N, C-alpha and C. Protein backbone atom coordinates (compact mmCIF):
# COMPACT_ATOMS: atom_id res chain seq x y z
N UNK A 1 0.85 -1.17 0.00
CA UNK A 1 0.00 0.00 0.00
C UNK A 1 0.89 1.22 0.00
N UNK A 2 0.71 2.10 -0.97
CA UNK A 2 1.50 3.31 -1.06
C UNK A 2 1.06 4.34 -0.05
N UNK A 3 1.97 5.22 0.32
CA UNK A 3 1.67 6.25 1.30
C UNK A 3 0.63 7.23 0.79
N UNK A 4 0.48 7.31 -0.53
CA UNK A 4 -0.47 8.27 -1.09
C UNK A 4 -1.92 7.81 -0.98
N UNK A 5 -2.16 6.59 -0.57
CA UNK A 5 -3.51 6.06 -0.46
C UNK A 5 -3.99 6.24 0.98
N UNK A 6 -5.03 7.03 1.15
CA UNK A 6 -5.54 7.31 2.49
C UNK A 6 -6.33 6.13 3.02
N UNK A 7 -6.18 5.90 4.31
CA UNK A 7 -6.95 4.87 5.00
C UNK A 7 -8.36 5.38 5.26
N UNK A 8 -9.32 4.50 5.09
CA UNK A 8 -10.68 4.80 5.54
C UNK A 8 -10.80 4.38 7.00
N UNK A 9 -10.42 3.14 7.25
CA UNK A 9 -10.51 2.54 8.58
C UNK A 9 -9.35 1.59 8.77
N UNK A 10 -9.03 1.34 10.01
CA UNK A 10 -8.03 0.33 10.34
C UNK A 10 -8.62 -0.57 11.42
N UNK A 11 -8.49 -1.86 11.23
CA UNK A 11 -8.85 -2.82 12.27
C UNK A 11 -7.55 -3.46 12.74
N UNK A 12 -7.66 -4.43 13.57
CA UNK A 12 -6.48 -5.12 14.09
C UNK A 12 -5.63 -5.71 12.97
N UNK A 13 -6.30 -6.25 11.93
CA UNK A 13 -5.57 -7.00 10.89
C UNK A 13 -5.57 -6.38 9.51
N UNK A 14 -6.42 -5.39 9.27
CA UNK A 14 -6.52 -4.83 7.92
C UNK A 14 -6.67 -3.32 7.93
N UNK A 15 -6.35 -2.75 6.79
CA UNK A 15 -6.63 -1.34 6.51
C UNK A 15 -7.65 -1.34 5.38
N UNK A 16 -8.70 -0.55 5.54
CA UNK A 16 -9.65 -0.34 4.45
C UNK A 16 -9.22 0.94 3.76
N UNK A 17 -9.05 0.86 2.45
CA UNK A 17 -8.56 1.99 1.68
C UNK A 17 -9.23 1.98 0.32
N UNK A 18 -9.12 3.09 -0.37
CA UNK A 18 -9.66 3.17 -1.73
C UNK A 18 -8.87 2.23 -2.64
N UNK A 19 -9.58 1.61 -3.57
CA UNK A 19 -8.91 0.92 -4.66
C UNK A 19 -8.28 1.99 -5.53
N UNK A 20 -7.16 1.68 -6.15
CA UNK A 20 -6.48 2.63 -7.03
C UNK A 20 -6.33 2.04 -8.43
N UNK A 21 -5.84 2.85 -9.33
CA UNK A 21 -5.56 2.37 -10.69
C UNK A 21 -4.11 1.91 -10.82
N UNK A 22 -3.48 1.56 -9.70
CA UNK A 22 -2.13 1.00 -9.77
C UNK A 22 -2.21 -0.36 -10.46
N UNK A 23 -1.11 -0.77 -11.03
CA UNK A 23 -1.06 -2.06 -11.73
C UNK A 23 -1.45 -3.20 -10.80
N UNK A 24 -0.95 -3.17 -9.55
CA UNK A 24 -1.26 -4.23 -8.59
C UNK A 24 -2.73 -4.30 -8.24
N UNK A 25 -3.35 -3.13 -7.97
CA UNK A 25 -4.78 -3.11 -7.64
C UNK A 25 -5.62 -3.57 -8.82
N UNK A 26 -5.32 -3.08 -10.01
CA UNK A 26 -6.12 -3.47 -11.18
C UNK A 26 -6.00 -4.96 -11.46
N UNK A 27 -4.80 -5.51 -11.28
CA UNK A 27 -4.62 -6.95 -11.49
C UNK A 27 -5.41 -7.75 -10.46
N UNK A 28 -5.39 -7.29 -9.21
CA UNK A 28 -6.12 -8.01 -8.17
C UNK A 28 -7.63 -7.93 -8.40
N UNK A 29 -8.13 -6.74 -8.79
CA UNK A 29 -9.55 -6.61 -9.11
C UNK A 29 -9.94 -7.55 -10.25
N UNK A 30 -9.12 -7.61 -11.29
CA UNK A 30 -9.40 -8.51 -12.42
C UNK A 30 -9.42 -9.95 -11.94
N UNK A 31 -8.52 -10.31 -11.04
CA UNK A 31 -8.45 -11.67 -10.52
C UNK A 31 -9.68 -11.99 -9.67
N UNK A 32 -10.04 -11.10 -8.73
CA UNK A 32 -11.20 -11.34 -7.87
C UNK A 32 -12.47 -11.45 -8.70
N UNK A 33 -12.72 -10.44 -9.53
CA UNK A 33 -14.00 -10.37 -10.25
C UNK A 33 -13.99 -11.17 -11.55
N UNK A 34 -12.90 -11.85 -11.83
CA UNK A 34 -12.84 -12.76 -12.97
C UNK A 34 -13.05 -14.21 -12.57
N UNK A 35 -13.30 -14.46 -11.31
CA UNK A 35 -13.44 -15.83 -10.80
C UNK A 35 -14.91 -16.20 -10.66
N UNK A 36 -15.27 -17.32 -11.26
CA UNK A 36 -16.65 -17.79 -11.20
C UNK A 36 -17.09 -18.04 -9.76
N UNK A 37 -16.19 -18.57 -8.92
CA UNK A 37 -16.56 -18.86 -7.54
C UNK A 37 -16.89 -17.60 -6.75
N UNK A 38 -16.51 -16.43 -7.24
CA UNK A 38 -16.89 -15.15 -6.64
C UNK A 38 -18.12 -14.59 -7.35
N UNK A 39 -18.04 -14.47 -8.66
CA UNK A 39 -19.08 -13.75 -9.40
C UNK A 39 -20.40 -14.49 -9.54
N UNK A 40 -20.41 -15.79 -9.33
CA UNK A 40 -21.70 -16.48 -9.41
C UNK A 40 -22.65 -16.00 -8.32
N UNK A 41 -22.10 -15.47 -7.22
CA UNK A 41 -22.92 -14.94 -6.14
C UNK A 41 -23.27 -13.47 -6.36
N UNK A 42 -22.68 -12.87 -7.39
CA UNK A 42 -22.90 -11.44 -7.66
C UNK A 42 -23.73 -11.20 -8.91
N UNK A 43 -24.18 -12.27 -9.54
CA UNK A 43 -24.95 -12.11 -10.78
C UNK A 43 -24.09 -12.08 -12.01
N UNK A 44 -22.84 -12.51 -11.89
CA UNK A 44 -21.94 -12.55 -13.03
C UNK A 44 -20.82 -11.53 -12.89
N UNK A 45 -19.82 -11.65 -13.76
CA UNK A 45 -18.69 -10.73 -13.68
C UNK A 45 -19.11 -9.31 -14.06
N UNK A 46 -18.33 -8.32 -13.61
CA UNK A 46 -18.64 -6.94 -13.99
C UNK A 46 -18.62 -6.78 -15.51
N UNK A 47 -19.40 -5.86 -15.98
CA UNK A 47 -19.45 -5.58 -17.41
C UNK A 47 -18.54 -4.42 -17.78
N UNK A 48 -17.75 -3.96 -16.82
CA UNK A 48 -16.81 -2.87 -17.04
C UNK A 48 -15.42 -3.32 -16.61
N UNK A 49 -14.42 -2.56 -17.02
CA UNK A 49 -13.03 -2.87 -16.69
C UNK A 49 -12.75 -2.59 -15.21
N UNK A 50 -11.67 -3.17 -14.66
CA UNK A 50 -11.29 -2.84 -13.29
C UNK A 50 -11.08 -1.33 -13.08
N UNK A 51 -10.50 -0.64 -14.05
CA UNK A 51 -10.30 0.81 -13.92
C UNK A 51 -11.64 1.54 -13.82
N UNK A 52 -12.63 1.08 -14.55
CA UNK A 52 -13.96 1.70 -14.47
C UNK A 52 -14.60 1.41 -13.11
N UNK A 53 -14.39 0.21 -12.57
CA UNK A 53 -14.88 -0.09 -11.22
C UNK A 53 -14.29 0.90 -10.22
N UNK A 54 -12.98 1.11 -10.28
CA UNK A 54 -12.32 2.05 -9.37
C UNK A 54 -12.94 3.43 -9.50
N UNK A 55 -13.17 3.86 -10.72
CA UNK A 55 -13.76 5.18 -10.96
C UNK A 55 -15.17 5.28 -10.40
N UNK A 56 -15.98 4.27 -10.64
CA UNK A 56 -17.36 4.27 -10.13
C UNK A 56 -17.39 4.27 -8.62
N UNK A 57 -16.53 3.45 -8.01
CA UNK A 57 -16.50 3.37 -6.56
C UNK A 57 -16.04 4.69 -5.95
N UNK A 58 -15.07 5.35 -6.58
CA UNK A 58 -14.62 6.65 -6.09
C UNK A 58 -15.75 7.67 -6.18
N UNK A 59 -16.56 7.59 -7.22
CA UNK A 59 -17.68 8.53 -7.39
C UNK A 59 -18.74 8.32 -6.31
N UNK A 60 -18.97 7.07 -5.91
CA UNK A 60 -19.92 6.78 -4.82
C UNK A 60 -19.45 7.48 -3.55
N UNK A 61 -18.17 7.35 -3.25
CA UNK A 61 -17.62 7.96 -2.04
C UNK A 61 -17.61 9.49 -2.14
N UNK A 62 -17.30 10.01 -3.33
CA UNK A 62 -17.28 11.46 -3.51
C UNK A 62 -18.67 12.06 -3.33
N UNK A 63 -19.71 11.32 -3.75
CA UNK A 63 -21.08 11.82 -3.64
C UNK A 63 -21.56 11.85 -2.19
N UNK A 64 -21.08 10.91 -1.39
CA UNK A 64 -21.46 10.84 0.02
C UNK A 64 -20.35 10.07 0.73
N UNK A 65 -19.56 10.75 1.54
CA UNK A 65 -18.37 10.13 2.12
C UNK A 65 -18.66 8.96 3.05
N UNK A 66 -19.94 8.76 3.41
CA UNK A 66 -20.28 7.59 4.23
C UNK A 66 -20.18 6.31 3.42
N UNK A 67 -20.29 6.41 2.09
CA UNK A 67 -20.42 5.23 1.23
C UNK A 67 -19.17 5.01 0.38
N UNK A 68 -19.04 3.76 -0.08
CA UNK A 68 -17.95 3.43 -0.98
C UNK A 68 -17.74 1.94 -1.07
N UNK A 69 -16.75 1.57 -1.86
CA UNK A 69 -16.31 0.19 -2.02
C UNK A 69 -14.80 0.23 -1.84
N UNK A 70 -14.29 -0.44 -0.81
CA UNK A 70 -12.90 -0.27 -0.41
C UNK A 70 -12.12 -1.57 -0.46
N UNK A 71 -10.84 -1.43 -0.73
CA UNK A 71 -9.92 -2.56 -0.70
C UNK A 71 -9.68 -2.97 0.74
N UNK A 72 -9.66 -4.28 0.96
CA UNK A 72 -9.34 -4.86 2.26
C UNK A 72 -7.86 -5.23 2.20
N UNK A 73 -7.02 -4.40 2.78
CA UNK A 73 -5.57 -4.57 2.69
C UNK A 73 -5.02 -5.15 3.99
N UNK A 74 -4.58 -6.42 3.98
CA UNK A 74 -3.99 -6.98 5.20
C UNK A 74 -2.76 -6.18 5.63
N UNK A 75 -2.65 -5.90 6.93
CA UNK A 75 -1.53 -5.11 7.41
C UNK A 75 -0.22 -5.89 7.39
N UNK A 76 -0.31 -7.22 7.33
CA UNK A 76 0.91 -8.02 7.30
C UNK A 76 1.44 -8.22 5.89
N UNK A 77 0.87 -7.49 4.91
CA UNK A 77 1.37 -7.54 3.54
C UNK A 77 0.52 -8.40 2.63
N UNK A 78 0.95 -8.48 1.41
CA UNK A 78 0.23 -9.25 0.41
C UNK A 78 -0.80 -8.41 -0.31
N UNK A 79 -1.47 -9.01 -1.29
CA UNK A 79 -2.46 -8.27 -2.07
C UNK A 79 -3.74 -8.04 -1.27
N UNK A 80 -4.58 -7.12 -1.73
CA UNK A 80 -5.87 -6.93 -1.07
C UNK A 80 -6.65 -8.26 -1.03
N UNK A 81 -7.32 -8.48 0.11
CA UNK A 81 -8.12 -9.69 0.28
C UNK A 81 -9.39 -9.64 -0.55
N UNK A 82 -9.84 -8.44 -0.88
CA UNK A 82 -11.06 -8.25 -1.65
C UNK A 82 -11.64 -6.88 -1.39
N UNK A 83 -12.96 -6.80 -1.49
CA UNK A 83 -13.68 -5.53 -1.37
C UNK A 83 -14.71 -5.62 -0.27
N UNK A 84 -14.85 -4.55 0.50
CA UNK A 84 -15.98 -4.38 1.40
C UNK A 84 -16.71 -3.13 0.92
N UNK A 85 -18.04 -3.17 0.96
CA UNK A 85 -18.80 -2.04 0.44
C UNK A 85 -19.88 -1.60 1.41
N UNK A 86 -20.20 -0.35 1.32
CA UNK A 86 -21.34 0.23 2.01
C UNK A 86 -21.91 1.25 1.03
N UNK A 87 -23.11 0.96 0.54
CA UNK A 87 -23.68 1.84 -0.48
C UNK A 87 -25.20 1.77 -0.45
N UNK A 88 -25.83 2.81 -1.00
CA UNK A 88 -27.29 2.77 -1.07
C UNK A 88 -27.76 1.61 -1.95
N UNK A 89 -28.83 0.96 -1.51
CA UNK A 89 -29.45 -0.06 -2.35
C UNK A 89 -30.18 0.63 -3.50
N UNK A 90 -30.31 -0.06 -4.62
CA UNK A 90 -30.83 0.60 -5.84
C UNK A 90 -32.35 0.74 -5.88
N UNK A 91 -32.91 1.42 -4.89
CA UNK A 91 -34.35 1.64 -4.94
C UNK A 91 -34.73 3.08 -4.70
N UNK A 92 -33.74 3.89 -4.33
CA UNK A 92 -33.98 5.31 -4.19
C UNK A 92 -34.68 5.76 -2.92
N UNK A 93 -34.90 4.85 -1.93
CA UNK A 93 -35.60 5.27 -0.72
C UNK A 93 -34.69 5.27 0.51
N UNK A 94 -33.41 5.11 0.31
CA UNK A 94 -32.48 5.31 1.39
C UNK A 94 -31.95 4.11 2.12
N UNK A 95 -32.37 2.90 1.79
CA UNK A 95 -31.78 1.74 2.45
C UNK A 95 -30.33 1.59 2.01
N UNK A 96 -29.49 1.11 2.92
CA UNK A 96 -28.06 1.00 2.68
C UNK A 96 -27.64 -0.46 2.82
N UNK A 97 -26.76 -0.87 1.94
CA UNK A 97 -26.27 -2.25 1.89
C UNK A 97 -24.82 -2.33 2.32
N UNK A 98 -24.50 -3.34 3.12
CA UNK A 98 -23.12 -3.73 3.38
C UNK A 98 -22.87 -5.02 2.59
N UNK A 99 -21.67 -5.14 2.05
CA UNK A 99 -21.35 -6.35 1.30
C UNK A 99 -19.85 -6.60 1.28
N UNK A 100 -19.47 -7.77 0.82
CA UNK A 100 -18.07 -8.16 0.79
C UNK A 100 -17.87 -9.10 -0.39
N UNK A 101 -16.78 -8.91 -1.09
CA UNK A 101 -16.41 -9.75 -2.23
C UNK A 101 -14.93 -10.08 -2.04
N UNK A 102 -14.64 -11.28 -1.60
CA UNK A 102 -13.26 -11.65 -1.29
C UNK A 102 -12.70 -12.65 -2.29
N UNK A 103 -11.41 -12.55 -2.49
CA UNK A 103 -10.69 -13.52 -3.32
C UNK A 103 -10.71 -14.85 -2.56
N UNK A 104 -10.84 -15.97 -3.27
CA UNK A 104 -10.86 -17.27 -2.58
C UNK A 104 -9.66 -17.52 -1.68
N UNK A 105 -8.49 -16.93 -1.98
CA UNK A 105 -7.35 -17.16 -1.11
C UNK A 105 -7.49 -16.42 0.23
N UNK A 106 -8.52 -15.58 0.35
CA UNK A 106 -8.77 -14.85 1.60
C UNK A 106 -9.99 -15.40 2.35
N UNK A 107 -10.65 -16.41 1.79
CA UNK A 107 -11.81 -16.98 2.46
C UNK A 107 -11.36 -17.72 3.72
N UNK A 108 -12.23 -17.69 4.73
CA UNK A 108 -11.98 -18.45 5.93
C UNK A 108 -11.05 -17.79 6.93
N UNK A 109 -10.69 -16.53 6.70
CA UNK A 109 -9.79 -15.83 7.61
C UNK A 109 -10.50 -14.78 8.46
N UNK A 110 -11.82 -14.66 8.30
CA UNK A 110 -12.58 -13.71 9.09
C UNK A 110 -12.57 -12.28 8.58
N UNK A 111 -11.98 -12.04 7.41
CA UNK A 111 -11.91 -10.68 6.87
C UNK A 111 -13.29 -10.09 6.57
N UNK A 112 -14.19 -10.90 6.05
CA UNK A 112 -15.53 -10.38 5.71
C UNK A 112 -16.24 -9.88 6.96
N UNK A 113 -16.25 -10.67 8.01
CA UNK A 113 -16.91 -10.27 9.24
C UNK A 113 -16.22 -9.05 9.87
N UNK A 114 -14.92 -9.08 9.94
CA UNK A 114 -14.16 -8.00 10.57
C UNK A 114 -14.37 -6.67 9.84
N UNK A 115 -14.30 -6.69 8.53
CA UNK A 115 -14.41 -5.43 7.78
C UNK A 115 -15.86 -4.96 7.69
N UNK A 116 -16.79 -5.89 7.55
CA UNK A 116 -18.20 -5.49 7.53
C UNK A 116 -18.58 -4.87 8.86
N UNK A 117 -18.14 -5.46 9.95
CA UNK A 117 -18.43 -4.90 11.27
C UNK A 117 -17.87 -3.48 11.38
N UNK A 118 -16.68 -3.25 10.89
CA UNK A 118 -16.05 -1.93 10.97
C UNK A 118 -16.84 -0.89 10.16
N UNK A 119 -17.26 -1.23 8.93
CA UNK A 119 -17.99 -0.23 8.15
C UNK A 119 -19.41 -0.03 8.69
N UNK A 120 -20.00 -1.07 9.27
CA UNK A 120 -21.32 -0.91 9.89
C UNK A 120 -21.22 0.01 11.10
N UNK A 121 -20.22 -0.20 11.95
CA UNK A 121 -20.04 0.68 13.10
C UNK A 121 -19.84 2.12 12.65
N UNK A 122 -19.06 2.32 11.61
CA UNK A 122 -18.84 3.66 11.05
C UNK A 122 -20.15 4.25 10.54
N UNK A 123 -20.96 3.43 9.89
CA UNK A 123 -22.26 3.89 9.37
C UNK A 123 -23.18 4.32 10.50
N UNK A 124 -23.23 3.55 11.55
CA UNK A 124 -24.08 3.90 12.69
C UNK A 124 -23.57 5.18 13.37
N UNK A 125 -22.27 5.33 13.48
CA UNK A 125 -21.71 6.56 14.04
C UNK A 125 -22.07 7.78 13.18
N UNK A 126 -22.24 7.56 11.87
CA UNK A 126 -22.62 8.63 10.95
C UNK A 126 -24.12 8.89 10.95
N UNK A 127 -24.88 8.13 11.76
CA UNK A 127 -26.30 8.37 11.91
C UNK A 127 -27.23 7.48 11.11
N UNK A 128 -26.69 6.49 10.40
CA UNK A 128 -27.59 5.59 9.67
C UNK A 128 -28.36 4.73 10.66
N UNK A 129 -29.69 4.58 10.48
CA UNK A 129 -30.48 3.84 11.45
C UNK A 129 -30.43 2.32 11.28
N UNK A 130 -30.07 1.86 10.09
CA UNK A 130 -30.05 0.43 9.81
C UNK A 130 -29.19 0.16 8.59
N UNK A 131 -28.74 -1.08 8.48
CA UNK A 131 -27.95 -1.53 7.35
C UNK A 131 -28.48 -2.89 6.93
N UNK A 132 -28.56 -3.11 5.62
CA UNK A 132 -29.03 -4.38 5.06
C UNK A 132 -27.87 -5.14 4.42
N UNK A 133 -28.03 -6.44 4.32
CA UNK A 133 -27.17 -7.28 3.49
C UNK A 133 -28.11 -8.12 2.63
N UNK A 134 -27.77 -8.25 1.36
CA UNK A 134 -28.56 -9.08 0.46
C UNK A 134 -27.65 -10.16 -0.12
N UNK A 135 -28.13 -11.40 -0.06
CA UNK A 135 -27.30 -12.55 -0.37
C UNK A 135 -28.06 -13.48 -1.31
N UNK A 136 -27.39 -13.95 -2.33
CA UNK A 136 -28.03 -14.92 -3.22
C UNK A 136 -28.31 -16.21 -2.46
N UNK A 137 -29.51 -16.78 -2.66
CA UNK A 137 -29.82 -18.07 -2.03
C UNK A 137 -28.74 -19.09 -2.35
N UNK A 138 -28.33 -19.83 -1.33
CA UNK A 138 -27.30 -20.84 -1.50
C UNK A 138 -25.91 -20.37 -1.08
N UNK A 139 -25.71 -19.07 -0.91
CA UNK A 139 -24.41 -18.56 -0.52
C UNK A 139 -24.28 -18.66 1.01
N UNK A 140 -24.04 -19.88 1.46
CA UNK A 140 -24.00 -20.16 2.89
C UNK A 140 -22.90 -19.39 3.61
N UNK A 141 -21.76 -19.18 2.94
CA UNK A 141 -20.66 -18.45 3.59
C UNK A 141 -21.08 -17.02 3.92
N UNK A 142 -21.73 -16.35 2.99
CA UNK A 142 -22.15 -14.97 3.25
C UNK A 142 -23.29 -14.90 4.25
N UNK A 143 -24.19 -15.87 4.21
CA UNK A 143 -25.25 -15.88 5.22
C UNK A 143 -24.67 -16.11 6.62
N UNK A 144 -23.60 -16.91 6.71
CA UNK A 144 -22.94 -17.10 8.01
C UNK A 144 -22.31 -15.80 8.49
N UNK A 145 -21.74 -15.01 7.58
CA UNK A 145 -21.19 -13.71 7.96
C UNK A 145 -22.31 -12.83 8.52
N UNK A 146 -23.45 -12.81 7.85
CA UNK A 146 -24.59 -12.01 8.33
C UNK A 146 -24.98 -12.42 9.75
N UNK A 147 -25.01 -13.72 10.01
CA UNK A 147 -25.35 -14.19 11.36
C UNK A 147 -24.29 -13.77 12.38
N UNK A 148 -23.01 -13.87 12.00
CA UNK A 148 -21.94 -13.46 12.92
C UNK A 148 -22.02 -11.96 13.22
N UNK A 149 -22.52 -11.19 12.28
CA UNK A 149 -22.68 -9.74 12.48
C UNK A 149 -23.89 -9.41 13.35
N UNK A 150 -24.71 -10.42 13.63
CA UNK A 150 -25.91 -10.19 14.43
C UNK A 150 -27.08 -9.66 13.62
N UNK A 151 -27.03 -9.82 12.32
CA UNK A 151 -28.10 -9.34 11.45
C UNK A 151 -29.32 -10.24 11.57
N UNK A 152 -30.49 -9.63 11.45
CA UNK A 152 -31.75 -10.36 11.52
C UNK A 152 -32.15 -10.81 10.12
N UNK A 153 -32.42 -12.11 9.94
CA UNK A 153 -32.90 -12.56 8.62
C UNK A 153 -34.34 -12.10 8.40
N UNK A 154 -34.59 -11.54 7.23
CA UNK A 154 -35.93 -11.06 6.86
C UNK A 154 -36.58 -11.94 5.81
N UNK A 155 -35.89 -12.99 5.38
CA UNK A 155 -36.43 -13.87 4.35
C UNK A 155 -36.01 -13.44 2.96
N UNK A 156 -36.58 -14.11 1.98
CA UNK A 156 -36.25 -13.80 0.59
C UNK A 156 -37.11 -12.66 0.07
N UNK A 157 -36.46 -11.75 -0.64
CA UNK A 157 -37.15 -10.60 -1.23
C UNK A 157 -36.63 -10.39 -2.65
N UNK A 158 -37.48 -9.79 -3.47
CA UNK A 158 -37.07 -9.43 -4.83
C UNK A 158 -37.03 -7.92 -4.99
N UNK A 159 -36.97 -7.21 -3.90
CA UNK A 159 -37.05 -5.75 -3.92
C UNK A 159 -35.88 -5.07 -4.63
N UNK A 160 -34.67 -5.64 -4.51
CA UNK A 160 -33.48 -5.01 -5.05
C UNK A 160 -32.82 -5.90 -6.10
N UNK A 161 -32.22 -5.31 -7.08
CA UNK A 161 -31.42 -5.98 -8.10
C UNK A 161 -32.23 -6.89 -9.03
N UNK A 162 -33.54 -6.92 -8.90
CA UNK A 162 -34.37 -7.69 -9.82
C UNK A 162 -34.28 -9.19 -9.69
N UNK A 163 -33.75 -9.69 -8.58
CA UNK A 163 -33.66 -11.13 -8.34
C UNK A 163 -34.03 -11.41 -6.88
N UNK A 164 -34.38 -12.66 -6.62
CA UNK A 164 -34.71 -13.06 -5.26
C UNK A 164 -33.42 -13.18 -4.43
N UNK A 165 -33.41 -12.48 -3.30
CA UNK A 165 -32.23 -12.47 -2.44
C UNK A 165 -32.62 -12.70 -0.99
N UNK A 166 -31.77 -13.42 -0.26
CA UNK A 166 -31.92 -13.53 1.19
C UNK A 166 -31.57 -12.16 1.74
N UNK A 167 -32.41 -11.64 2.59
CA UNK A 167 -32.24 -10.27 3.09
C UNK A 167 -32.03 -10.30 4.60
N UNK A 168 -31.07 -9.52 5.03
CA UNK A 168 -30.74 -9.40 6.45
C UNK A 168 -30.70 -7.92 6.81
N UNK A 169 -30.99 -7.61 8.08
CA UNK A 169 -30.96 -6.22 8.52
C UNK A 169 -30.34 -6.14 9.92
N UNK A 170 -29.59 -5.08 10.13
CA UNK A 170 -29.05 -4.78 11.45
C UNK A 170 -29.44 -3.35 11.77
N UNK A 171 -30.11 -3.19 12.91
CA UNK A 171 -30.53 -1.87 13.36
C UNK A 171 -29.43 -1.25 14.22
N UNK A 172 -29.31 0.07 14.14
CA UNK A 172 -28.36 0.78 14.98
C UNK A 172 -28.75 0.59 16.44
N UNK A 173 -27.75 0.47 17.30
CA UNK A 173 -28.07 0.35 18.73
C UNK A 173 -28.80 1.60 19.22
N UNK A 174 -29.71 1.39 20.13
CA UNK A 174 -30.44 2.51 20.72
C UNK A 174 -29.58 3.10 21.84
N UNK A 175 -29.36 4.38 21.74
CA UNK A 175 -28.55 5.07 22.75
C UNK A 175 -29.49 5.66 23.78
N UNK A 176 -29.31 5.25 25.02
CA UNK A 176 -30.13 5.76 26.13
C UNK A 176 -29.27 6.75 26.91
N UNK A 177 -29.82 7.94 27.06
CA UNK A 177 -29.06 8.97 27.80
C UNK A 177 -29.66 9.21 29.15
C-alpha cells in the first residue's frame, strides 16, 4: 500500500482503503472479479473494466463520504483480500447495503466479518439507522457472515437488483441517555 492512499478505517488486521488504478490493484480486481466462484454470487462478472470499477466506486464515495467500495488490505502484507462495500441499495428510498467480495485465497480468515463490522459501526456513528445485506440463495458463507454480524434474517425478497435475495438487517443500537 503506497503512502499516497488514504486509509478509511483500520482494524487489528486490515486497513480499508480506496482501490487505485495501480497495476497491482487493477490486477487483483481482475483476478477477484474474474473468478466464477466469486461472481456467481454477484450475478456474473462486472461488465466494465477494473479501472472503471475504481472510478465508479470513487464517485460513490465522492457523492457521500459515508459510502464506498474499499480494498481490504492486510496489514501483514500481500495483495488486497477483496472488497468491502457500504452503499445505497438501488431503490432510491435510502436503504443502505453492506457487502463483501473476497478472493478465494482470503476466504476463511474472518476478513468479511471483521471489515463489515467496521464499516457498519462507522455507518451507525454517521447516523444511519439500519444496514441491510442481500445474499443470493445458496451462498451459505455470506449468510454465516450475516449471522456473525448479528443481522436479523428477513427472508427472501425481490425488492433489489431484480432477483430473489436472502435479506438481512441490522438496526443501529439505541442510545439511552
